Amino acid sequence: MRDRLRVDAEDVKYFHVVAEAKTLVRAGQELGVDYTTVSRRISRLEKALGTRLFSRSGTGWKLTPTGEGLLPAARMVSLGVDVFADGDPIVSGPEEWTILAPDGFAATVLAPRCGRLIAESGVVLRIVTADSLASRDGVSYDAAVVRTKPTSSRVRIQELVTYEIGLYATEDYLLEHAEIRRIEDLQQHVLCWYAEDPLAAVPDFVALRPMLPNIIRLQSNNLLVHEEAALAGVGIAVMPSYIAQRRPSLVRVLPEEVTYTGHYWTVLPAAQLRWEITRKVLRFLREAVLDAGLANSEMEPR
């Protein structure tokens, strides 16, 4: 009655490798087989499941929504296949976590605070920078930190922390350039901010853009570019305060006139929760924001 679910574990491993490699050729190289064998295995698995797992294109193989949902389970099956093949039940490999996060949050909150986690637990931690879930479509993850609250029913959402954004520059820059007493004075200055690209999916941009000069002279989708430009005296950066405060040489510009409160949301893939690992990841995120001096909300998967 359930014939279509009788799948081969080795085929599931091939699915996992293709999902990570993105092309049949790279997957075949990793598996030590010809790409035609990989293609045949994937086709057989899709036939057994009665659904497509990948969409094919000239640039590679992209997971379908069904494939995305099955990927975490496939990762565990793939590991199990390797353990059985080795004949050693003890050697199961380290626990692996994947966290998606914006570049600034990843670099200044997560990276400096993961040392003890890695040293004491032996976890393999993957921090993948992503401005939004859409920008990392097809990537399997345990938790994501995003700035825009998702509306999809396929994820579980909780507010992680609020943060403030302001204008920052070095004292030398402010002494050497036209005085800034009001918002209109910013027109004479170089502003460092996000590219005016709707695909960037940065809600801060929409709220702050009317306060900024007509032309943003330095644009980048990487927050650390804004920071380094400000430190080098290129201009004034629009930055989260928790990042700017790490740099004693940066001072706040127009703190009363230009300010914005943003939100980081924790997103959990509803169909992919690995409950025990999910709880550990959430605990790590909670401790990281606390240690960084940011307030946080209670976070348990619901």
Protein backbone atom coordinates (compact mmCIF):
# COMPACT_ATOMS: atom_id res chain seq x y z
CA MET A 1 0.00 0.00 0.00
CA ARG A 2 2.99 2.32 0.62
CA ASP A 3 5.22 1.10 -2.21
CA ARG A 4 6.19 4.59 -3.25
CA LEU A 5 7.95 5.14 0.13
CA ARG A 6 10.20 2.09 -0.20
CA VAL A 7 13.37 3.99 -0.95
CA ASP A 8 17.00 2.91 -0.99
CA ALA A 9 19.17 4.48 1.72
CA GLU A 10 22.06 4.75 -0.73
CA ASP A 11 19.82 6.75 -3.09
CA VAL A 12 19.05 9.10 -0.19
CA LYS A 13 22.79 9.58 0.32
CA TYR A 14 23.14 10.51 -3.36
CA PHE A 15 20.30 13.02 -2.92
CA HIS A 16 22.12 14.60 0.03
CA VAL A 17 25.39 14.88 -1.86
CA VAL A 18 23.74 16.45 -4.93
CA ALA A 19 21.91 18.94 -2.70
CA GLU A 20 25.23 20.06 -1.23
CA ALA A 21 27.25 19.90 -4.47
CA LYS A 22 24.62 21.61 -6.66
CA THR A 23 25.79 19.79 -9.83
CA LEU A 24 25.91 16.14 -10.91
CA VAL A 25 29.57 16.37 -11.92
CA ARG A 26 30.71 17.62 -8.51
CA ALA A 27 28.48 15.09 -6.76
CA GLY A 28 29.91 12.29 -8.90
CA GLN A 29 33.46 13.38 -8.05
CA GLU A 30 32.66 13.32 -4.35
CA LEU A 31 30.97 9.92 -4.58
CA GLY A 32 33.58 8.45 -6.88
CA VAL A 33 31.13 7.55 -9.64
CA ASP A 34 30.16 8.84 -13.07
CA TYR A 35 27.61 11.67 -13.16
CA THR A 36 25.22 9.44 -15.12
CA THR A 37 25.10 7.10 -12.14
CA VAL A 38 24.20 10.03 -9.90
CA SER A 39 21.43 11.07 -12.30
CA ARG A 40 20.05 7.53 -12.41
CA ARG A 41 20.02 7.30 -8.61
CA ILE A 42 18.19 10.62 -8.22
CA SER A 43 15.63 9.65 -10.85
CA ARG A 44 15.00 6.36 -9.07
CA LEU A 45 14.50 8.11 -5.74
CA GLU A 46 12.12 10.65 -7.25
CA LYS A 47 10.16 7.84 -8.86
CA ALA A 48 9.93 5.99 -5.55
CA LEU A 49 8.70 9.12 -3.78
CA GLY A 50 6.42 10.20 -6.60
CA THR A 51 7.71 13.76 -6.57
CA ARG A 52 10.49 15.96 -7.92
CA LEU A 53 13.33 16.74 -5.52
CA PHE A 54 15.29 19.06 -7.81
CA SER A 55 14.64 21.56 -10.55
CA ARG A 56 17.28 21.30 -13.26
CA SER A 57 18.88 24.26 -15.02
CA GLY A 58 22.01 25.12 -16.96
CA THR A 59 23.68 26.41 -13.80
CA GLY A 60 22.97 23.46 -11.54
CA TRP A 61 20.38 21.51 -9.59
CA LYS A 62 18.18 23.43 -7.17
CA LEU A 63 16.07 21.83 -4.46
CA THR A 64 12.30 21.96 -4.84
CA PRO A 65 10.25 22.79 -1.72
CA THR A 66 9.78 19.05 -1.19
CA GLY A 67 13.53 18.52 -1.50
CA GLU A 68 14.21 21.27 1.03
CA GLY A 69 11.86 19.62 3.51
CA LEU A 70 13.54 16.22 3.13
CA LEU A 71 17.14 17.46 3.23
CA PRO A 72 17.70 17.39 7.03
CA ALA A 73 16.44 13.79 7.22
CA ALA A 74 18.59 12.90 4.21
CA ARG A 75 21.63 14.29 6.01
CA MET A 76 21.01 11.91 8.92
CA VAL A 77 20.37 8.95 6.60
CA SER A 78 23.58 9.73 4.69
CA LEU A 79 25.54 9.74 7.95
CA GLY A 80 23.95 6.44 8.93
CA VAL A 81 24.88 4.87 5.60
CA ASP A 82 28.52 5.87 6.14
CA VAL A 83 28.56 4.52 9.70
CA PHE A 84 27.15 1.15 8.59
CA ALA A 85 29.55 1.01 5.66
CA ASP A 86 32.50 1.55 8.01
CA GLY A 87 31.18 -1.07 10.41
CA ASP A 88 32.01 1.10 13.42
CA PRO A 89 28.95 2.34 15.34
CA ILE A 90 31.08 4.55 17.57
CA VAL A 91 32.43 6.71 14.77
CA SER A 92 29.36 8.76 13.92
CA GLY A 93 31.01 12.13 13.39
CA PRO A 94 30.51 15.39 15.26
CA GLU A 95 27.18 17.12 15.67
CA GLU A 96 26.67 19.71 12.93
CA TRP A 97 24.76 22.98 13.24
CA THR A 98 23.93 25.47 10.50
CA ILE A 99 22.90 29.02 11.40
CA LEU A 100 21.96 31.65 8.82
CA ALA A 101 22.50 35.27 9.92
CA PRO A 102 23.15 38.76 8.52
CA ASP A 103 26.86 39.51 8.10
CA GLY A 104 27.10 42.10 10.90
CA PHE A 105 25.32 39.90 13.44
CA ALA A 106 27.31 36.84 12.37
CA ALA A 107 30.68 38.60 12.62
CA THR A 108 30.17 40.63 15.79
CA VAL A 109 27.77 38.54 17.88
CA LEU A 110 28.13 34.90 16.85
CA ALA A 111 31.74 34.43 15.73
CA PRO A 112 33.43 35.90 18.86
CA ARG A 113 31.24 33.78 21.15
CA CYS A 114 31.38 30.33 19.60
CA GLY A 115 34.83 29.32 20.90
CA ARG A 116 33.69 27.63 24.09
CA LEU A 117 30.84 25.90 22.27
CA ILE A 118 33.23 24.38 19.74
CA ALA A 119 35.92 23.54 22.30
CA GLU A 120 33.62 21.90 24.84
CA SER A 121 31.05 20.18 22.64
CA GLY A 122 33.05 19.41 19.50
CA VAL A 123 30.21 20.84 17.39
CA VAL A 124 30.86 21.64 13.75
CA LEU A 125 29.30 25.10 13.46
CA ARG A 126 28.41 26.55 10.05
CA ILE A 127 27.60 30.26 10.12
CA VAL A 128 26.22 31.21 6.71
CA THR A 129 25.73 34.93 6.08
CA ALA A 130 22.37 35.77 4.56
CA ASP A 131 20.33 38.99 4.53
CA SER A 132 17.14 36.99 4.10
CA LEU A 133 15.94 33.42 3.77
CA ALA A 134 15.23 34.06 0.09
CA SER A 135 18.88 34.95 -0.51
CA ARG A 136 19.93 31.46 0.64
CA ASP A 137 17.15 29.52 -1.03
CA GLY A 138 17.75 25.78 -0.88
CA VAL A 139 20.15 25.86 2.09
CA SER A 140 19.25 23.53 4.94
CA TYR A 141 19.56 25.23 8.33
CA ASP A 142 18.79 24.67 12.01
CA ALA A 143 18.01 28.31 12.77
CA ALA A 144 18.13 31.60 10.90
CA VAL A 145 18.43 35.14 12.23
CA VAL A 146 16.70 37.63 9.92
CA ARG A 147 15.72 41.31 10.01
CA THR A 148 12.36 40.90 8.27
CA LYS A 149 9.64 38.89 9.98
CA PRO A 150 8.68 36.04 7.62
CA THR A 151 5.04 35.33 6.92
CA SER A 152 5.44 31.77 5.62
CA SER A 153 3.59 28.98 7.42
CA ARG A 154 6.59 26.75 6.72
CA VAL A 155 8.66 28.39 9.47
CA ARG A 156 8.32 29.12 13.16
CA ILE A 157 9.19 32.65 14.21
CA GLN A 158 10.19 34.31 17.48
CA GLU A 159 11.62 37.74 18.17
CA LEU A 160 15.24 37.43 19.24
CA VAL A 161 16.38 40.98 20.00
CA THR A 162 15.86 44.65 19.14
CA TYR A 163 18.70 46.95 18.17
CA GLU A 164 19.24 50.62 17.38
CA ILE A 165 20.66 52.09 14.18
CA GLY A 166 22.34 55.48 13.88
CA LEU A 167 24.91 57.51 11.95
CA TYR A 168 28.61 57.12 12.83
CA ALA A 169 31.83 58.78 11.73
CA THR A 170 35.30 59.45 13.10
CA GLU A 171 36.06 62.70 14.91
CA ASP A 172 38.72 63.47 12.32
CA TYR A 173 36.18 63.16 9.51
CA LEU A 174 33.75 65.47 11.30
CA LEU A 175 36.47 68.07 11.97
CA GLU A 176 37.64 68.07 8.37
CA HIS A 177 34.24 68.31 6.67
CA ALA A 178 31.20 70.58 6.71
CA GLU A 179 29.50 70.89 10.08
CA ILE A 180 26.41 68.77 10.68
CA ARG A 181 23.69 70.37 12.78
CA ARG A 182 20.55 69.08 11.10
CA ILE A 183 19.45 66.36 8.68
CA GLU A 184 19.68 68.68 5.68
CA ASP A 185 23.43 69.09 6.30
CA LEU A 186 23.95 65.43 5.41
CA GLN A 187 23.49 66.31 1.74
CA GLN A 188 27.07 67.61 1.71
CA HIS A 189 28.56 64.36 3.01
CA VAL A 190 29.43 60.88 1.78
CA LEU A 191 27.01 58.35 3.24
CA CYS A 192 27.83 54.63 3.43
CA TRP A 193 24.69 52.49 3.30
CA TYR A 194 23.03 49.58 1.57
CA ALA A 195 22.69 49.36 -2.18
CA GLU A 196 19.36 50.68 -3.43
CA ASP A 197 18.30 47.22 -4.46
CA PRO A 198 14.86 45.82 -3.54
CA LEU A 199 16.37 42.32 -3.52
CA ALA A 200 18.51 43.26 -0.50
CA ALA A 201 15.38 42.84 1.68
CA VAL A 202 16.65 45.21 4.37
CA PRO A 203 13.67 46.80 6.20
CA ASP A 204 15.95 49.41 7.81
CA PHE A 205 16.57 50.86 4.37
CA VAL A 206 12.93 51.75 3.75
CA ALA A 207 12.55 53.45 7.14
CA LEU A 208 15.82 55.38 7.07
CA ARG A 209 16.10 56.26 3.39
CA PRO A 210 14.00 59.48 3.57
CA MET A 211 16.38 60.86 6.22
CA LEU A 212 19.51 60.33 4.14
CA PRO A 213 21.03 62.31 1.23
CA ASN A 214 19.45 62.02 -2.20
CA ILE A 215 22.52 60.15 -3.44
CA ILE A 216 24.19 57.45 -1.35
CA ARG A 217 27.80 57.79 -2.48
CA LEU A 218 29.07 54.44 -1.15
CA GLN A 219 26.72 51.49 -1.47
CA SER A 220 27.34 47.90 -0.40
CA ASN A 221 25.27 44.92 0.68
CA ASN A 222 27.92 44.14 3.32
CA LEU A 223 27.59 45.98 6.62
CA LEU A 224 31.28 45.56 7.43
CA VAL A 225 32.13 47.57 4.30
CA HIS A 226 30.19 50.49 5.81
CA GLU A 227 32.10 50.12 9.09
CA GLU A 228 35.55 49.99 7.51
CA ALA A 229 34.75 52.95 5.27
CA ALA A 230 33.74 55.04 8.27
CA LEU A 231 36.88 54.04 10.18
CA ALA A 232 39.00 55.07 7.20
CA GLY A 233 37.37 58.49 7.08
CA VAL A 234 35.58 57.89 3.78
CA GLY A 235 32.28 59.18 5.14
CA ILE A 236 29.43 58.59 7.55
CA ALA A 237 28.14 55.04 8.01
CA VAL A 238 24.61 54.02 8.90
CA MET A 239 25.21 51.23 11.41
CA PRO A 240 23.67 49.27 14.28
CA SER A 241 24.83 50.86 17.52
CA TYR A 242 26.00 47.55 19.00
CA ILE A 243 28.49 47.24 16.14
CA ALA A 244 29.63 50.88 16.13
CA GLN A 245 30.21 50.87 19.89
CA ARG A 246 33.00 48.34 19.42
CA ARG A 247 35.03 51.11 17.77
CA PRO A 248 36.07 53.93 20.17
CA SER A 249 37.05 56.15 17.23
CA LEU A 250 33.45 56.28 15.93
CA VAL A 251 31.08 58.91 17.30
CA ARG A 252 27.33 59.24 16.87
CA VAL A 253 26.06 61.88 14.44
CA LEU A 254 22.61 63.48 14.93
CA PRO A 255 21.56 60.93 17.56
CA GLU A 256 18.16 62.55 18.17
CA GLU A 257 17.25 63.17 14.56
CA VAL A 258 18.41 59.96 12.89
CA THR A 259 17.58 56.75 14.74
CA TYR A 260 15.72 53.54 14.04
CA THR A 261 14.87 50.46 16.11
CA GLY A 262 15.27 47.24 14.19
CA HIS A 263 14.43 43.65 15.06
CA TYR A 264 16.20 40.35 14.68
CA TRP A 265 13.87 37.39 14.35
CA THR A 266 14.77 33.78 14.99
CA VAL A 267 13.35 31.52 12.28
CA LEU A 268 13.06 27.75 12.61
CA PRO A 269 12.15 25.54 9.63
CA ALA A 270 8.93 23.95 10.86
CA ALA A 271 9.32 20.77 8.82
CA GLN A 272 13.00 20.31 9.57
CA LEU A 273 13.31 20.65 13.34
CA ARG A 274 15.89 18.40 14.99
CA TRP A 275 14.44 19.02 18.43
CA GLU A 276 17.43 18.47 20.70
CA ILE A 277 19.82 20.27 18.36
CA THR A 278 17.27 23.07 17.86
CA ARG A 279 17.14 23.67 21.61
CA LYS A 280 20.92 23.80 21.79
CA VAL A 281 21.12 26.25 18.89
CA LEU A 282 18.50 28.51 20.48
CA ARG A 283 20.37 28.42 23.78
CA PHE A 284 23.59 29.43 21.99
CA LEU A 285 21.80 32.34 20.27
CA ARG A 286 20.24 33.49 23.55
CA GLU A 287 23.57 33.40 25.38
CA ALA A 288 25.36 35.13 22.51
CA VAL A 289 23.03 38.14 22.44
CA LEU A 290 23.15 38.43 26.22
CA ASP A 291 26.94 38.32 26.24
CA ALA A 292 26.98 40.96 23.49
CA GLY A 293 25.00 43.28 25.77
CA LEU A 294 21.73 43.00 23.86
CA ALA A 295 18.38 42.25 25.49
CA ASN A 296 16.62 39.14 24.29
CA SER A 297 13.30 37.36 24.55
CA GLU A 298 12.66 33.81 25.71
CA MET A 299 13.17 31.36 22.89
CA GLU A 300 11.86 27.84 22.87
CA PRO A 301 10.53 26.10 19.75
CA ARG A 302 6.75 26.06 19.71
